[in-house]
């Protein structure tokens, strides 16, 4: 029969493992796009970042939803360019 201290140590180790798994899932869930939506918040302006693709050093393309419009924006080191936009529900192919 195990001592009470052995059982307490086992419970603590299990809790540490669960917490470590939660941190790993949060970190790598967004990196590998598990669609956990952990950071996705809507601002009071109705602004929501949907996706980002890094194109190089300080250059990327971001898809942003503003109320009922979807904007695809190219962002460089010194400029921001609207690439395309559509109303949500429109066929954008």
PDB file of N, CA and C in Angstrom:
ATOM      1  N   UNK A   1       0.827  -1.164   0.000  1.00  0.00           N
ATOM      2  CA  UNK A   1       0.000   0.000   0.000  1.00  0.00           C
ATOM      3  C   UNK A   1       0.887   1.247   0.000  1.00  0.00           C
ATOM      4  N   UNK A   2       0.510   2.197  -0.867  1.00  0.00           N
ATOM      5  CA  UNK A   2       1.298   3.431  -0.986  1.00  0.00           C
ATOM      6  C   UNK A   2       1.029   4.366   0.177  1.00  0.00           C
ATOM      7  N   UNK A   3       2.029   5.156   0.450  1.00  0.00           N
ATOM      8  CA  UNK A   3       1.850   6.150   1.512  1.00  0.00           C
ATOM      9  C   UNK A   3       1.056   7.340   0.968  1.00  0.00           C
ATOM     10  N   UNK A   4       0.549   8.148   1.847  1.00  0.00           N
ATOM     11  CA  UNK A   4      -0.225   9.321   1.463  1.00  0.00           C
ATOM     12  C   UNK A   4       0.642  10.308   0.698  1.00  0.00           C
ATOM     13  N   UNK A   5       1.937  10.358   1.030  1.00  0.00           N
ATOM     14  CA  UNK A   5       2.841  11.274   0.338  1.00  0.00           C
ATOM     15  C   UNK A   5       3.055  10.843  -1.114  1.00  0.00           C
ATOM     16  N   UNK A   6       3.124   9.567  -1.340  1.00  0.00           N
ATOM     17  CA  UNK A   6       3.260   9.074  -2.706  1.00  0.00           C
ATOM     18  C   UNK A   6       2.047   9.424  -3.550  1.00  0.00           C
ATOM     19  N   UNK A   7       0.873   9.338  -2.978  1.00  0.00           N
ATOM     20  CA  UNK A   7      -0.345   9.691  -3.699  1.00  0.00           C
ATOM     21  C   UNK A   7      -0.404  11.192  -3.977  1.00  0.00           C
ATOM     22  N   UNK A   8       0.019  12.009  -3.027  1.00  0.00           N
ATOM     23  CA  UNK A   8       0.028  13.465  -3.230  1.00  0.00           C
ATOM     24  C   UNK A   8       1.002  13.838  -4.333  1.00  0.00           C
ATOM     25  N   UNK A   9       2.178  13.233  -4.336  1.00  0.00           N
ATOM     26  CA  UNK A   9       3.171  13.504  -5.385  1.00  0.00           C
ATOM     27  C   UNK A   9       2.617  13.102  -6.745  1.00  0.00           C
ATOM     28  N   UNK A  10       1.930  11.967  -6.825  1.00  0.00           N
ATOM     29  CA  UNK A  10       1.343  11.506  -8.078  1.00  0.00           C
ATOM     30  C   UNK A  10       0.282  12.500  -8.580  1.00  0.00           C
ATOM     31  N   UNK A  11      -0.565  13.000  -7.689  1.00  0.00           N
ATOM     32  CA  UNK A  11      -1.592  13.976  -8.073  1.00  0.00           C
ATOM     33  C   UNK A  11      -0.949  15.262  -8.569  1.00  0.00           C
ATOM     34  N   UNK A  12       0.090  15.716  -7.882  1.00  0.00           N
ATOM     35  CA  UNK A  12       0.782  16.942  -8.304  1.00  0.00           C
ATOM     36  C   UNK A  12       1.419  16.761  -9.675  1.00  0.00           C
ATOM     37  N   UNK A  13       2.046  15.626  -9.917  1.00  0.00           N
ATOM     38  CA  UNK A  13       2.657  15.371 -11.224  1.00  0.00           C
ATOM     39  C   UNK A  13       1.617  15.312 -12.335  1.00  0.00           C
ATOM     40  N   UNK A  14       0.479  14.727 -12.067  1.00  0.00           N
ATOM     41  CA  UNK A  14      -0.590  14.678 -13.065  1.00  0.00           C
ATOM     42  C   UNK A  14      -1.102  16.084 -13.364  1.00  0.00           C
ATOM     43  N   UNK A  15      -1.265  16.910 -12.341  1.00  0.00           N
ATOM     44  CA  UNK A  15      -1.709  18.284 -12.548  1.00  0.00           C
ATOM     45  C   UNK A  15      -0.687  19.085 -13.358  1.00  0.00           C
ATOM     46  N   UNK A  16       0.591  18.893 -13.085  1.00  0.00           N
ATOM     47  CA  UNK A  16       1.641  19.573 -13.848  1.00  0.00           C
ATOM     48  C   UNK A  16       1.601  19.125 -15.307  1.00  0.00           C
ATOM     49  N   UNK A  17       1.400  17.844 -15.543  1.00  0.00           N
ATOM     50  CA  UNK A  17       1.314  17.336 -16.916  1.00  0.00           C
ATOM     51  C   UNK A  17       0.102  17.921 -17.649  1.00  0.00           C
ATOM     52  N   UNK A  18      -1.027  18.051 -16.980  1.00  0.00           N
ATOM     53  CA  UNK A  18      -2.224  18.617 -17.605  1.00  0.00           C
ATOM     54  C   UNK A  18      -1.997  20.081 -17.957  1.00  0.00           C
ATOM     55  N   UNK A  19      -1.407  20.831 -17.037  1.00  0.00           N
ATOM     56  CA  UNK A  19      -1.135  22.248 -17.294  1.00  0.00           C
ATOM     57  C   UNK A  19      -0.135  22.411 -18.439  1.00  0.00           C
ATOM     58  N   UNK A  20       0.894  21.587 -18.480  1.00  0.00           N
ATOM     59  CA  UNK A  20       1.875  21.646 -19.569  1.00  0.00           C
ATOM     60  C   UNK A  20       1.214  21.319 -20.907  1.00  0.00           C
ATOM     61  N   UNK A  21       0.322  20.346 -20.918  1.00  0.00           N
ATOM     62  CA  UNK A  21      -0.386  19.998 -22.154  1.00  0.00           C
ATOM     63  C   UNK A  21      -1.276  21.147 -22.617  1.00  0.00           C
ATOM     64  N   UNK A  22      -1.903  21.850 -21.678  1.00  0.00           N
ATOM     65  CA  UNK A  22      -2.746  22.987 -22.038  1.00  0.00           C
ATOM     66  C   UNK A  22      -1.910  24.113 -22.643  1.00  0.00           C
ATOM     67  N   UNK A  23      -0.763  24.418 -22.053  1.00  0.00           N
ATOM     68  CA  UNK A  23       0.116  25.449 -22.610  1.00  0.00           C
ATOM     69  C   UNK A  23       0.617  25.051 -23.995  1.00  0.00           C
ATOM     70  N   UNK A  24       1.001  23.794 -24.171  1.00  0.00           N
ATOM     71  CA  UNK A  24       1.487  23.335 -25.473  1.00  0.00           C
ATOM     72  C   UNK A  24       0.381  23.403 -26.525  1.00  0.00           C
ATOM     73  N   UNK A  25      -0.818  23.012 -26.160  1.00  0.00           N
ATOM     74  CA  UNK A  25      -1.931  23.071 -27.102  1.00  0.00           C
ATOM     75  C   UNK A  25      -2.231  24.510 -27.493  1.00  0.00           C
ATOM     76  N   UNK A  26      -2.179  25.416 -26.544  1.00  0.00           N
ATOM     77  CA  UNK A  26      -2.427  26.828 -26.855  1.00  0.00           C
ATOM     78  C   UNK A  26      -1.343  27.383 -27.769  1.00  0.00           C
ATOM     79  N   UNK A  27      -0.098  27.075 -27.472  1.00  0.00           N
ATOM     80  CA  UNK A  27       0.997  27.610 -28.277  1.00  0.00           C
ATOM     81  C   UNK A  27       1.025  27.016 -29.683  1.00  0.00           C
ATOM     82  N   UNK A  28       0.990  25.698 -29.782  1.00  0.00           N
ATOM     83  CA  UNK A  28       1.121  25.063 -31.083  1.00  0.00           C
ATOM     84  C   UNK A  28      -0.213  24.939 -31.810  1.00  0.00           C
ATOM     85  N   UNK A  29      -1.310  25.121 -31.106  1.00  0.00           N
ATOM     86  CA  UNK A  29      -2.625  25.093 -31.752  1.00  0.00           C
ATOM     87  C   UNK A  29      -2.793  26.235 -32.721  1.00  0.00           C
ATOM     88  N   UNK A  30      -2.322  27.421 -32.360  1.00  0.00           N
ATOM     89  CA  UNK A  30      -2.396  28.555 -33.277  1.00  0.00           C
ATOM     90  C   UNK A  30      -1.305  28.460 -34.339  1.00  0.00           C
ATOM     91  N   UNK A  31      -0.155  27.920 -33.982  1.00  0.00           N
ATOM     92  CA  UNK A  31       0.943  27.803 -34.947  1.00  0.00           C
ATOM     93  C   UNK A  31       0.597  26.818 -36.064  1.00  0.00           C
ATOM     94  N   UNK A  32      -0.007  25.703 -35.728  1.00  0.00           N
ATOM     95  CA  UNK A  32      -0.352  24.694 -36.720  1.00  0.00           C
ATOM     96  C   UNK A  32      -1.808  24.751 -37.142  1.00  0.00           C
ATOM     97  N   UNK A  33      -2.491  25.854 -36.780  1.00  0.00           N
ATOM     98  CA  UNK A  33      -3.852  26.148 -37.225  1.00  0.00           C
ATOM     99  C   UNK A  33      -4.831  25.036 -36.889  1.00  0.00           C
ATOM    100  N   UNK A  34      -4.948  24.727 -35.615  1.00  0.00           N
ATOM    101  CA  UNK A  34      -5.943  23.762 -35.157  1.00  0.00           C
ATOM    102  C   UNK A  34      -7.321  24.400 -35.021  1.00  0.00           C
ATOM    103  N   UNK A  35      -7.445  25.687 -35.404  1.00  0.00           N
ATOM    104  CA  UNK A  35      -8.698  26.440 -35.343  1.00  0.00           C
ATOM    105  C   UNK A  35      -9.293  26.442 -33.945  1.00  0.00           C
ATOM    106  N   UNK A  36      -8.469  26.766 -32.964  1.00  0.00           N
ATOM    107  CA  UNK A  36      -8.949  26.824 -31.596  1.00  0.00           C
ATOM    108  C   UNK A  36      -9.598  28.160 -31.268  1.00  0.00           C
ATOM    109  N   UNK A  37      -9.351  29.187 -32.095  1.00  0.00           N
ATOM    110  CA  UNK A  37      -9.908  30.525 -31.914  1.00  0.00           C
ATOM    111  C   UNK A  37      -9.665  31.055 -30.506  1.00  0.00           C
ATOM    112  N   UNK A  38      -8.462  30.884 -30.012  1.00  0.00           N
ATOM    113  CA  UNK A  38      -8.147  31.328 -28.659  1.00  0.00           C
ATOM    114  C   UNK A  38      -7.955  32.834 -28.585  1.00  0.00           C
ATOM    115  N   UNK A  39      -7.440  33.420 -29.647  1.00  0.00           N
ATOM    116  CA  UNK A  39      -7.158  34.845 -29.628  1.00  0.00           C
ATOM    117  C   UNK A  39      -8.183  35.659 -30.398  1.00  0.00           C
ATOM    118  N   UNK A  40      -9.119  35.034 -31.015  1.00  0.00           N
ATOM    119  CA  UNK A  40     -10.036  35.745 -31.887  1.00  0.00           C
ATOM    120  C   UNK A  40     -11.085  36.486 -31.071  1.00  0.00           C
ATOM    121  N   UNK A  41     -11.002  37.807 -31.093  1.00  0.00           N
ATOM    122  CA  UNK A  41     -11.954  38.639 -30.398  1.00  0.00           C
ATOM    123  C   UNK A  41     -12.481  39.658 -31.391  1.00  0.00           C
ATOM    124  N   UNK A  42     -13.699  40.047 -31.211  1.00  0.00           N
ATOM    125  CA  UNK A  42     -14.267  41.109 -32.015  1.00  0.00           C
ATOM    126  C   UNK A  42     -14.174  42.401 -31.222  1.00  0.00           C
ATOM    127  N   UNK A  43     -13.663  43.448 -31.861  1.00  0.00           N
ATOM    128  CA  UNK A  43     -13.556  44.730 -31.195  1.00  0.00           C
ATOM    129  C   UNK A  43     -14.893  45.458 -31.262  1.00  0.00           C
ATOM    130  N   UNK A  44     -14.962  46.602 -30.617  1.00  0.00           N
ATOM    131  CA  UNK A  44     -16.204  47.361 -30.663  1.00  0.00           C
ATOM    132  C   UNK A  44     -16.477  47.920 -32.047  1.00  0.00           C
ATOM    133  N   UNK A  45     -15.480  47.916 -32.924  1.00  0.00           N
ATOM    134  CA  UNK A  45     -15.656  48.370 -34.301  1.00  0.00           C
ATOM    135  C   UNK A  45     -16.045  47.222 -35.234  1.00  0.00           C
ATOM    136  N   UNK A  46     -16.149  46.028 -34.715  1.00  0.00           N
ATOM    137  CA  UNK A  46     -16.491  44.874 -35.529  1.00  0.00           C
ATOM    138  C   UNK A  46     -15.315  44.355 -36.332  1.00  0.00           C
ATOM    139  N   UNK A  47     -14.097  44.575 -35.853  1.00  0.00           N
ATOM    140  CA  UNK A  47     -12.878  44.205 -36.564  1.00  0.00           C
ATOM    141  C   UNK A  47     -12.379  42.863 -36.050  1.00  0.00           C
ATOM    142  N   UNK A  48     -12.100  41.938 -36.984  1.00  0.00           N
ATOM    143  CA  UNK A  48     -11.637  40.605 -36.591  1.00  0.00           C
ATOM    144  C   UNK A  48     -10.605  40.119 -37.607  1.00  0.00           C
ATOM    145  N   UNK A  49      -9.418  39.705 -37.131  1.00  0.00           N
ATOM    146  CA  UNK A  49      -8.386  39.148 -38.011  1.00  0.00           C
ATOM    147  C   UNK A  49      -8.707  37.672 -38.225  1.00  0.00           C
ATOM    148  N   UNK A  50      -8.878  37.276 -39.485  1.00  0.00           N
ATOM    149  CA  UNK A  50      -9.240  35.897 -39.781  1.00  0.00           C
ATOM    150  C   UNK A  50      -8.035  35.016 -40.049  1.00  0.00           C
ATOM    151  N   UNK A  51      -7.052  35.535 -40.791  1.00  0.00           N
ATOM    152  CA  UNK A  51      -5.894  34.706 -41.138  1.00  0.00           C
ATOM    153  C   UNK A  51      -4.745  35.597 -41.572  1.00  0.00           C
ATOM    154  N   UNK A  52      -3.529  35.108 -41.434  1.00  0.00           N
ATOM    155  CA  UNK A  52      -2.331  35.821 -41.864  1.00  0.00           C
ATOM    156  C   UNK A  52      -1.377  34.842 -42.515  1.00  0.00           C
ATOM    157  N   UNK A  53      -0.790  35.274 -43.624  1.00  0.00           N
ATOM    158  CA  UNK A  53       0.230  34.487 -44.317  1.00  0.00           C
ATOM    159  C   UNK A  53       1.494  35.334 -44.371  1.00  0.00           C
ATOM    160  N   UNK A  54       2.585  34.831 -43.808  1.00  0.00           N
ATOM    161  CA  UNK A  54       3.856  35.547 -43.828  1.00  0.00           C
ATOM    162  C   UNK A  54       4.526  35.303 -45.174  1.00  0.00           C
ATOM    163  N   UNK A  55       4.910  36.398 -45.839  1.00  0.00           N
ATOM    164  CA  UNK A  55       5.494  36.312 -47.177  1.00  0.00           C
ATOM    165  C   UNK A  55       7.000  36.512 -47.162  1.00  0.00           C
ATOM    166  N   UNK A  56       7.537  36.986 -46.096  1.00  0.00           N
ATOM    167  CA  UNK A  56       8.966  37.235 -46.013  1.00  0.00           C
ATOM    168  C   UNK A  56       9.252  38.136 -44.830  1.00  0.00           C
ATOM    169  N   UNK A  57      10.416  38.754 -44.852  1.00  0.00           N
ATOM    170  CA  UNK A  57      10.830  39.616 -43.755  1.00  0.00           C
ATOM    171  C   UNK A  57       9.934  40.853 -43.689  1.00  0.00           C
ATOM    172  N   UNK A  58       9.103  40.918 -42.657  1.00  0.00           N
ATOM    173  CA  UNK A  58       8.180  42.027 -42.414  1.00  0.00           C
ATOM    174  C   UNK A  58       7.181  42.246 -43.544  1.00  0.00           C
ATOM    175  N   UNK A  59       6.814  41.194 -44.230  1.00  0.00           N
ATOM    176  CA  UNK A  59       5.819  41.276 -45.296  1.00  0.00           C
ATOM    177  C   UNK A  59       4.834  40.130 -45.126  1.00  0.00           C
ATOM    178  N   UNK A  60       3.556  40.457 -45.134  1.00  0.00           N
ATOM    179  CA  UNK A  60       2.559  39.408 -45.004  1.00  0.00           C
ATOM    180  C   UNK A  60       1.221  39.873 -45.549  1.00  0.00           C
ATOM    181  N   UNK A  61       0.347  38.919 -45.750  1.00  0.00           N
ATOM    182  CA  UNK A  61      -1.007  39.165 -46.226  1.00  0.00           C
ATOM    183  C   UNK A  61      -1.959  38.761 -45.107  1.00  0.00           C
ATOM    184  N   UNK A  62      -2.900  39.643 -44.814  1.00  0.00           N
ATOM    185  CA  UNK A  62      -3.844  39.408 -43.733  1.00  0.00           C
ATOM    186  C   UNK A  62      -5.269  39.519 -44.254  1.00  0.00           C
ATOM    187  N   UNK A  63      -6.121  38.626 -43.786  1.00  0.00           N
ATOM    188  CA  UNK A  63      -7.550  38.683 -44.101  1.00  0.00           C
ATOM    189  C   UNK A  63      -8.252  39.210 -42.861  1.00  0.00           C
ATOM    190  N   UNK A  64      -8.971  40.323 -43.027  1.00  0.00           N
ATOM    191  CA  UNK A  64      -9.622  41.003 -41.919  1.00  0.00           C
ATOM    192  C   UNK A  64     -11.110  41.135 -42.228  1.00  0.00           C
ATOM    193  N   UNK A  65     -11.937  40.892 -41.213  1.00  0.00           N
ATOM    194  CA  UNK A  65     -13.374  41.082 -41.351  1.00  0.00           C
ATOM    195  C   UNK A  65     -13.764  42.334 -40.576  1.00  0.00           C
ATOM    196  N   UNK A  66     -14.425  43.260 -41.263  1.00  0.00           N
ATOM    197  CA  UNK A  66     -14.909  44.482 -40.639  1.00  0.00           C
ATOM    198  C   UNK A  66     -16.415  44.516 -40.852  1.00  0.00           C
ATOM    199  N   UNK A  67     -17.156  44.307 -39.754  1.00  0.00           N
ATOM    200  CA  UNK A  67     -18.608  44.179 -39.788  1.00  0.00           C
ATOM    201  C   UNK A  67     -19.004  43.130 -40.814  1.00  0.00           C
ATOM    202  N   UNK A  68     -19.570  43.478 -41.967  1.00  0.00           N
ATOM    203  CA  UNK A  68     -19.977  42.460 -42.940  1.00  0.00           C
ATOM    204  C   UNK A  68     -19.073  42.453 -44.167  1.00  0.00           C
ATOM    205  N   UNK A  69     -17.915  43.096 -44.111  1.00  0.00           N
ATOM    206  CA  UNK A  69     -16.978  43.124 -45.234  1.00  0.00           C
ATOM    207  C   UNK A  69     -15.725  42.339 -44.892  1.00  0.00           C
ATOM    208  N   UNK A  70     -15.173  41.690 -45.897  1.00  0.00           N
ATOM    209  CA  UNK A  70     -13.917  40.949 -45.744  1.00  0.00           C
ATOM    210  C   UNK A  70     -12.874  41.653 -46.599  1.00  0.00           C
ATOM    211  N   UNK A  71     -11.744  41.996 -45.985  1.00  0.00           N
ATOM    212  CA  UNK A  71     -10.668  42.704 -46.669  1.00  0.00           C
ATOM    213  C   UNK A  71      -9.427  41.823 -46.696  1.00  0.00           C
ATOM    214  N   UNK A  72      -8.755  41.788 -47.834  1.00  0.00           N
ATOM    215  CA  UNK A  72      -7.462  41.117 -47.942  1.00  0.00           C
ATOM    216  C   UNK A  72      -6.438  42.228 -48.098  1.00  0.00           C
ATOM    217  N   UNK A  73      -5.530  42.319 -47.136  1.00  0.00           N
ATOM    218  CA  UNK A  73      -4.608  43.433 -47.049  1.00  0.00           C
ATOM    219  C   UNK A  73      -3.181  42.922 -47.131  1.00  0.00           C
ATOM    220  N   UNK A  74      -2.378  43.542 -47.986  1.00  0.00           N
ATOM    221  CA  UNK A  74      -0.950  43.269 -48.058  1.00  0.00           C
ATOM    222  C   UNK A  74      -0.216  44.285 -47.206  1.00  0.00           C
ATOM    223  N   UNK A  75       0.619  43.815 -46.307  1.00  0.00           N
ATOM    224  CA  UNK A  75       1.319  44.706 -45.391  1.00  0.00           C
ATOM    225  C   UNK A  75       2.817  44.524 -45.583  1.00  0.00           C
ATOM    226  N   UNK A  76       3.481  45.628 -45.904  1.00  0.00           N
ATOM    227  CA  UNK A  76       4.929  45.624 -46.078  1.00  0.00           C
ATOM    228  C   UNK A  76       5.594  46.374 -44.957  1.00  0.00           C
ATOM    229  N   UNK A  77       6.874  46.631 -45.133  1.00  0.00           N
ATOM    230  CA  UNK A  77       7.625  47.315 -44.092  1.00  0.00           C
ATOM    231  C   UNK A  77       7.163  48.759 -43.915  1.00  0.00           C
ATOM    232  N   UNK A  78       6.775  49.423 -45.030  1.00  0.00           N
ATOM    233  CA  UNK A  78       6.401  50.829 -44.942  1.00  0.00           C
ATOM    234  C   UNK A  78       5.021  51.134 -45.498  1.00  0.00           C
ATOM    235  N   UNK A  79       4.308  50.148 -45.987  1.00  0.00           N
ATOM    236  CA  UNK A  79       3.009  50.458 -46.590  1.00  0.00           C
ATOM    237  C   UNK A  79       2.000  49.349 -46.352  1.00  0.00           C
ATOM    238  N   UNK A  80       0.728  49.710 -46.523  1.00  0.00           N
ATOM    239  CA  UNK A  80      -0.386  48.775 -46.432  1.00  0.00           C
ATOM    240  C   UNK A  80      -1.206  48.938 -47.700  1.00  0.00           C
ATOM    241  N   UNK A  81      -1.533  47.823 -48.366  1.00  0.00           N
ATOM    242  CA  UNK A  81      -2.260  47.876 -49.618  1.00  0.00           C
ATOM    243  C   UNK A  81      -3.486  46.972 -49.541  1.00  0.00           C
ATOM    244  N   UNK A  82      -4.619  47.513 -49.949  1.00  0.00           N
ATOM    245  CA  UNK A  82      -5.841  46.712 -50.031  1.00  0.00           C
ATOM    246  C   UNK A  82      -5.767  45.885 -51.313  1.00  0.00           C
ATOM    247  N   UNK A  83      -5.726  44.566 -51.190  1.00  0.00           N
ATOM    248  CA  UNK A  83      -5.610  43.702 -52.355  1.00  0.00           C
ATOM    249  C   UNK A  83      -6.972  43.390 -52.961  1.00  0.00           C
ATOM    250  N   UNK A  84      -7.939  43.060 -52.116  1.00  0.00           N
ATOM    251  CA  UNK A  84      -9.299  42.811 -52.583  1.00  0.00           C
ATOM    252  C   UNK A  84     -10.242  42.905 -51.393  1.00  0.00           C
ATOM    253  N   UNK A  85     -11.530  43.015 -51.697  1.00  0.00           N
ATOM    254  CA  UNK A  85     -12.540  43.072 -50.648  1.00  0.00           C
ATOM    255  C   UNK A  85     -13.845  42.516 -51.192  1.00  0.00           C
ATOM    256  N   UNK A  86     -14.691  42.030 -50.303  1.00  0.00           N
ATOM    257  CA  UNK A  86     -16.014  41.566 -50.683  1.00  0.00           C
ATOM    258  C   UNK A  86     -16.932  41.618 -49.484  1.00  0.00           C
ATOM    259  N   UNK A  87     -18.217  41.602 -49.761  1.00  0.00           N
ATOM    260  CA  UNK A  87     -19.211  41.549 -48.707  1.00  0.00           C
ATOM    261  C   UNK A  87     -19.400  40.097 -48.320  1.00  0.00           C
ATOM    262  N   UNK A  88     -19.500  39.824 -47.020  1.00  0.00           N
ATOM    263  CA  UNK A  88     -19.650  38.457 -46.556  1.00  0.00           C
ATOM    264  C   UNK A  88     -20.913  37.857 -47.154  1.00  0.00           C
ATOM    265  N   UNK A  89     -20.793  36.649 -47.660  1.00  0.00           N
ATOM    266  CA  UNK A  89     -21.898  35.987 -48.320  1.00  0.00           C
ATOM    267  C   UNK A  89     -21.799  36.061 -49.825  1.00  0.00           C
ATOM    268  N   UNK A  90     -20.986  37.007 -50.360  1.00  0.00           N
ATOM    269  CA  UNK A  90     -20.760  37.104 -51.797  1.00  0.00           C
ATOM    270  C   UNK A  90     -19.854  35.976 -52.252  1.00  0.00           C
ATOM    271  N   UNK A  91     -19.993  35.608 -53.524  1.00  0.00           N
ATOM    272  CA  UNK A  91     -19.062  34.650 -54.113  1.00  0.00           C
ATOM    273  C   UNK A  91     -17.799  35.413 -54.492  1.00  0.00           C
ATOM    274  N   UNK A  92     -16.670  35.090 -53.884  1.00  0.00           N
ATOM    275  CA  UNK A  92     -15.434  35.822 -54.098  1.00  0.00           C
ATOM    276  C   UNK A  92     -14.395  35.010 -54.863  1.00  0.00           C
ATOM    277  N   UNK A  93     -14.833  34.033 -55.648  1.00  0.00           N
ATOM    278  CA  UNK A  93     -13.863  33.248 -56.412  1.00  0.00           C
ATOM    279  C   UNK A  93     -13.583  33.864 -57.735  1.00  0.00           C
TER     280      UNK A  93
END
